[in-house]
Amino acid sequence: MTVADPDAAFERAVAAGATVVWPVANQYGWRLGRIVDPFGHHWEIGRPLFQ
């Protein structure tokens, strides 16, 4: 999922019950993190570093 502020979206998801798979960090040209929701769906939340 591409968002303007991945850090804020990630923290909201975790506060709502998601589990961290890996925290938000700069990876391969993206600011990106991964969570798993309570239903078992994995989500990557991020944005490109260079637009």
PDB file of N, CA and C in Angstrom:
ATOM      1  N   MET A   1       0.851  -1.149   0.000  1.00  0.00           N
ATOM      2  CA  MET A   1       0.000   0.000   0.000  1.00  0.00           C
ATOM      3  C   MET A   1       0.906   1.222   0.000  1.00  0.00           C
ATOM      4  N   THR A   2       0.723   2.091  -0.949  1.00  0.00           N
ATOM      5  CA  THR A   2       1.526   3.302  -1.047  1.00  0.00           C
ATOM      6  C   THR A   2       0.782   4.443  -0.353  1.00  0.00           C
ATOM      7  N   VAL A   3       1.466   5.101   0.576  1.00  0.00           N
ATOM      8  CA  VAL A   3       0.882   6.208   1.344  1.00  0.00           C
ATOM      9  C   VAL A   3       1.890   7.348   1.413  1.00  0.00           C
ATOM     10  N   ALA A   4       1.402   8.547   1.730  1.00  0.00           N
ATOM     11  CA  ALA A   4       2.289   9.714   1.829  1.00  0.00           C
ATOM     12  C   ALA A   4       3.213   9.633   3.039  1.00  0.00           C
ATOM     13  N   ASP A   5       2.720   9.109   4.150  1.00  0.00           N
ATOM     14  CA  ASP A   5       3.505   9.027   5.394  1.00  0.00           C
ATOM     15  C   ASP A   5       3.469   7.587   5.917  1.00  0.00           C
ATOM     16  N   PRO A   6       4.383   6.735   5.435  1.00  0.00           N
ATOM     17  CA  PRO A   6       4.340   5.338   5.843  1.00  0.00           C
ATOM     18  C   PRO A   6       4.575   5.118   7.338  1.00  0.00           C
ATOM     19  N   ASP A   7       5.364   5.955   7.963  1.00  0.00           N
ATOM     20  CA  ASP A   7       5.615   5.790   9.397  1.00  0.00           C
ATOM     21  C   ASP A   7       4.319   5.966  10.191  1.00  0.00           C
ATOM     22  N   ALA A   8       3.547   6.998   9.868  1.00  0.00           N
ATOM     23  CA  ALA A   8       2.292   7.254  10.580  1.00  0.00           C
ATOM     24  C   ALA A   8       1.263   6.160  10.286  1.00  0.00           C
ATOM     25  N   ALA A   9       1.136   5.750   9.032  1.00  0.00           N
ATOM     26  CA  ALA A   9       0.181   4.698   8.668  1.00  0.00           C
ATOM     27  C   ALA A   9       0.548   3.379   9.347  1.00  0.00           C
ATOM     28  N   PHE A  10       1.825   3.086   9.408  1.00  0.00           N
ATOM     29  CA  PHE A  10       2.312   1.863  10.051  1.00  0.00           C
ATOM     30  C   PHE A  10       1.961   1.870  11.534  1.00  0.00           C
ATOM     31  N   GLU A  11       2.211   2.976  12.201  1.00  0.00           N
ATOM     32  CA  GLU A  11       1.912   3.076  13.635  1.00  0.00           C
ATOM     33  C   GLU A  11       0.419   2.967  13.901  1.00  0.00           C
ATOM     34  N   ARG A  12      -0.419   3.552  13.025  1.00  0.00           N
ATOM     35  CA  ARG A  12      -1.874   3.424  13.181  1.00  0.00           C
ATOM     36  C   ARG A  12      -2.303   1.968  13.035  1.00  0.00           C
ATOM     37  N   ALA A  13      -1.729   1.264  12.072  1.00  0.00           N
ATOM     38  CA  ALA A  13      -2.069  -0.145  11.856  1.00  0.00           C
ATOM     39  C   ALA A  13      -1.684  -0.997  13.070  1.00  0.00           C
ATOM     40  N   VAL A  14      -0.506  -0.757  13.611  1.00  0.00           N
ATOM     41  CA  VAL A  14      -0.048  -1.506  14.786  1.00  0.00           C
ATOM     42  C   VAL A  14      -0.948  -1.187  15.986  1.00  0.00           C
ATOM     43  N   ALA A  15      -1.317   0.072  16.156  1.00  0.00           N
ATOM     44  CA  ALA A  15      -2.200   0.461  17.260  1.00  0.00           C
ATOM     45  C   ALA A  15      -3.577  -0.183  17.118  1.00  0.00           C
ATOM     46  N   ALA A  16      -3.981  -0.479  15.879  1.00  0.00           N
ATOM     47  CA  ALA A  16      -5.289  -1.088  15.622  1.00  0.00           C
ATOM     48  C   ALA A  16      -5.256  -2.613  15.698  1.00  0.00           C
ATOM     49  N   GLY A  17      -4.082  -3.195  15.983  1.00  0.00           N
ATOM     50  CA  GLY A  17      -4.020  -4.636  16.190  1.00  0.00           C
ATOM     51  C   GLY A  17      -3.147  -5.420  15.231  1.00  0.00           C
ATOM     52  N   ALA A  18      -2.492  -4.748  14.288  1.00  0.00           N
ATOM     53  CA  ALA A  18      -1.589  -5.450  13.371  1.00  0.00           C
ATOM     54  C   ALA A  18      -0.303  -5.847  14.100  1.00  0.00           C
ATOM     55  N   THR A  19       0.365  -6.867  13.575  1.00  0.00           N
ATOM     56  CA  THR A  19       1.630  -7.343  14.127  1.00  0.00           C
ATOM     57  C   THR A  19       2.755  -6.958  13.176  1.00  0.00           C
ATOM     58  N   VAL A  20       3.846  -6.476  13.717  1.00  0.00           N
ATOM     59  CA  VAL A  20       4.999  -6.067  12.906  1.00  0.00           C
ATOM     60  C   VAL A  20       5.714  -7.301  12.363  1.00  0.00           C
ATOM     61  N   VAL A  21       5.907  -7.342  11.049  1.00  0.00           N
ATOM     62  CA  VAL A  21       6.756  -8.357  10.414  1.00  0.00           C
ATOM     63  C   VAL A  21       8.160  -7.784  10.305  1.00  0.00           C
ATOM     64  N   TRP A  22       8.270  -6.571   9.746  1.00  0.00           N
ATOM     65  CA  TRP A  22       9.507  -5.804   9.834  1.00  0.00           C
ATOM     66  C   TRP A  22       9.153  -4.328   9.912  1.00  0.00           C
ATOM     67  N   PRO A  23       9.892  -3.552  10.696  1.00  0.00           N
ATOM     68  CA  PRO A  23       9.574  -2.137  10.901  1.00  0.00           C
ATOM     69  C   PRO A  23       9.875  -1.310   9.658  1.00  0.00           C
ATOM     70  N   VAL A  24       9.320  -0.116   9.622  1.00  0.00           N
ATOM     71  CA  VAL A  24       9.546   0.812   8.512  1.00  0.00           C
ATOM     72  C   VAL A  24      11.021   1.216   8.485  1.00  0.00           C
ATOM     73  N   ALA A  25      11.607   1.133   7.308  1.00  0.00           N
ATOM     74  CA  ALA A  25      13.012   1.516   7.104  1.00  0.00           C
ATOM     75  C   ALA A  25      13.204   1.829   5.627  1.00  0.00           C
ATOM     76  N   ASN A  26      14.324   2.440   5.287  1.00  0.00           N
ATOM     77  CA  ASN A  26      14.661   2.694   3.891  1.00  0.00           C
ATOM     78  C   ASN A  26      15.213   1.417   3.274  1.00  0.00           C
ATOM     79  N   GLN A  27      14.522   0.917   2.228  1.00  0.00           N
ATOM     80  CA  GLN A  27      14.908  -0.333   1.593  1.00  0.00           C
ATOM     81  C   GLN A  27      14.721  -0.225   0.083  1.00  0.00           C
ATOM     82  N   TYR A  28      15.759  -0.446  -0.672  1.00  0.00           N
ATOM     83  CA  TYR A  28      15.678  -0.543  -2.126  1.00  0.00           C
ATOM     84  C   TYR A  28      14.944   0.634  -2.767  1.00  0.00           C
ATOM     85  N   GLY A  29      15.202   1.845  -2.305  1.00  0.00           N
ATOM     86  CA  GLY A  29      14.576   3.029  -2.876  1.00  0.00           C
ATOM     87  C   GLY A  29      13.185   3.326  -2.336  1.00  0.00           C
ATOM     88  N   TRP A  30      12.776   2.624  -1.302  1.00  0.00           N
ATOM     89  CA  TRP A  30      11.464   2.828  -0.689  1.00  0.00           C
ATOM     90  C   TRP A  30      11.614   3.044   0.804  1.00  0.00           C
ATOM     91  N   ARG A  31      10.690   3.780   1.392  1.00  0.00           N
ATOM     92  CA  ARG A  31      10.493   3.836   2.851  1.00  0.00           C
ATOM     93  C   ARG A  31       9.391   2.822   3.084  1.00  0.00           C
ATOM     94  N   LEU A  32       9.703   1.663   3.687  1.00  0.00           N
ATOM     95  CA  LEU A  32       8.813   0.511   3.632  1.00  0.00           C
ATOM     96  C   LEU A  32       8.833  -0.295   4.924  1.00  0.00           C
ATOM     97  N   GLY A  33       7.671  -0.776   5.327  1.00  0.00           N
ATOM     98  CA  GLY A  33       7.542  -1.692   6.450  1.00  0.00           C
ATOM     99  C   GLY A  33       6.484  -2.727   6.135  1.00  0.00           C
ATOM    100  N   ARG A  34       6.462  -3.803   6.896  1.00  0.00           N
ATOM    101  CA  ARG A  34       5.490  -4.880   6.650  1.00  0.00           C
ATOM    102  C   ARG A  34       4.803  -5.274   7.945  1.00  0.00           C
ATOM    103  N   ILE A  35       3.476  -5.431   7.852  1.00  0.00           N
ATOM    104  CA  ILE A  35       2.670  -5.871   8.984  1.00  0.00           C
ATOM    105  C   ILE A  35       1.806  -7.048   8.547  1.00  0.00           C
ATOM    106  N   VAL A  36       1.234  -7.739   9.527  1.00  0.00           N
ATOM    107  CA  VAL A  36       0.213  -8.753   9.258  1.00  0.00           C
ATOM    108  C   VAL A  36      -1.006  -8.350  10.084  1.00  0.00           C
ATOM    109  N   ASP A  37      -2.169  -8.289   9.412  1.00  0.00           N
ATOM    110  CA  ASP A  37      -3.382  -7.867  10.117  1.00  0.00           C
ATOM    111  C   ASP A  37      -3.969  -9.035  10.921  1.00  0.00           C
ATOM    112  N   PRO A  38      -4.962  -8.772  11.765  1.00  0.00           N
ATOM    113  CA  PRO A  38      -5.526  -9.830  12.603  1.00  0.00           C
ATOM    114  C   PRO A  38      -6.153 -10.996  11.819  1.00  0.00           C
ATOM    115  N   PHE A  39      -6.402 -10.794  10.519  1.00  0.00           N
ATOM    116  CA  PHE A  39      -6.984 -11.846   9.683  1.00  0.00           C
ATOM    117  C   PHE A  39      -5.928 -12.651   8.938  1.00  0.00           C
ATOM    118  N   GLY A  40      -4.645 -12.304   9.165  1.00  0.00           N
ATOM    119  CA  GLY A  40      -3.553 -13.042   8.541  1.00  0.00           C
ATOM    120  C   GLY A  40      -3.073 -12.483   7.216  1.00  0.00           C
ATOM    121  N   HIS A  41      -3.605 -11.335   6.789  1.00  0.00           N
ATOM    122  CA  HIS A  41      -3.170 -10.720   5.531  1.00  0.00           C
ATOM    123  C   HIS A  41      -1.915  -9.880   5.766  1.00  0.00           C
ATOM    124  N   HIS A  42      -0.927 -10.060   4.918  1.00  0.00           N
ATOM    125  CA  HIS A  42       0.311  -9.288   5.006  1.00  0.00           C
ATOM    126  C   HIS A  42       0.187  -8.032   4.166  1.00  0.00           C
ATOM    127  N   TRP A  43       0.701  -6.937   4.698  1.00  0.00           N
ATOM    128  CA  TRP A  43       0.669  -5.637   4.020  1.00  0.00           C
ATOM    129  C   TRP A  43       2.046  -5.008   4.076  1.00  0.00           C
ATOM    130  N   GLU A  44       2.469  -4.478   2.958  1.00  0.00           N
ATOM    131  CA  GLU A  44       3.647  -3.610   2.932  1.00  0.00           C
ATOM    132  C   GLU A  44       3.125  -2.185   2.822  1.00  0.00           C
ATOM    133  N   ILE A  45       3.592  -1.332   3.694  1.00  0.00           N
ATOM    134  CA  ILE A  45       3.183   0.070   3.728  1.00  0.00           C
ATOM    135  C   ILE A  45       4.409   0.906   3.420  1.00  0.00           C
ATOM    136  N   GLY A  46       4.335   1.734   2.387  1.00  0.00           N
ATOM    137  CA  GLY A  46       5.514   2.514   2.046  1.00  0.00           C
ATOM    138  C   GLY A  46       5.275   3.580   1.016  1.00  0.00           C
ATOM    139  N   ARG A  47       6.368   4.197   0.598  1.00  0.00           N
ATOM    140  CA  ARG A  47       6.382   5.198  -0.470  1.00  0.00           C
ATOM    141  C   ARG A  47       7.761   5.203  -1.089  1.00  0.00           C
ATOM    142  N   PRO A  48       7.857   5.571  -2.367  1.00  0.00           N
ATOM    143  CA  PRO A  48       9.171   5.686  -2.992  1.00  0.00           C
ATOM    144  C   PRO A  48       9.968   6.821  -2.335  1.00  0.00           C
ATOM    145  N   LEU A  49      11.251   6.647  -2.187  1.00  0.00           N
ATOM    146  CA  LEU A  49      12.087   7.709  -1.622  1.00  0.00           C
ATOM    147  C   LEU A  49      12.332   8.829  -2.621  1.00  0.00           C
ATOM    148  N   PHE A  50      12.328   8.500  -3.894  1.00  0.00           N
ATOM    149  CA  PHE A  50      12.616   9.488  -4.937  1.00  0.00           C
ATOM    150  C   PHE A  50      11.434   9.569  -5.872  1.00  0.00           C
ATOM    151  N   GLN A  51      10.782  10.723  -5.903  1.00  0.00           N
ATOM    152  CA  GLN A  51       9.622  10.878  -6.783  1.00  0.00           C
ATOM    153  C   GLN A  51       9.821  11.994  -7.749  1.00  0.00           C
TER     154      GLN A  51
END
